[in-house]
């Protein structure tokens, strides 16, 4: 209710009305020559000065309240703007950090891929200990899952007896080490 009163009292129309009342009351109270030319204004000249003071007070109060509201609104908008700028700067910093981390991760991945490629090239140039190549070791890994179904004579006929023997001795050595711990 009070906010509605101040909104109406500080509106442009109310301020214009207060200004017109003040100017008219000041004119009526201050000019005796006008009262001689217009005799019907003579009774209002006595009330002109108090009415002009009251209108001036109402005008000053309304303008003061309106200015204080506008300055409070301006301060609130400044705070909101500062907060928005802070959020924007934080988002920029986060984006910069994300871009930097992404670049570092891509460089690290490229380095790791290059190391793997170099290692594969180095391994392909080395002679294998059991006569198996990298494809055989991949095949062996897949065959470990079904080891129980593979018989040794079938492996001998397929030409992988040395690889199976090597993997079996490696497996048995590794399992005996784990049991001794």
Foldseek 3Di string as FASTA:
>chain_A
DVVVVLCVCLDPVNLVVLVVLLVVLCVLQPDVVVCVVPVVSVVSNVVSVVSNVVSVVSNVVSVVVVVVVVVVVVVVVVVVVVVVVVVVVVVVVVVVVVVVVVVVVVVVVVVVVVVVVVVLVVQQPDQDPQRDHPVVVVVVVVCVVVVVVDDLVVCVVVPCNSVVVVVVVVVVVVVVVVVVD
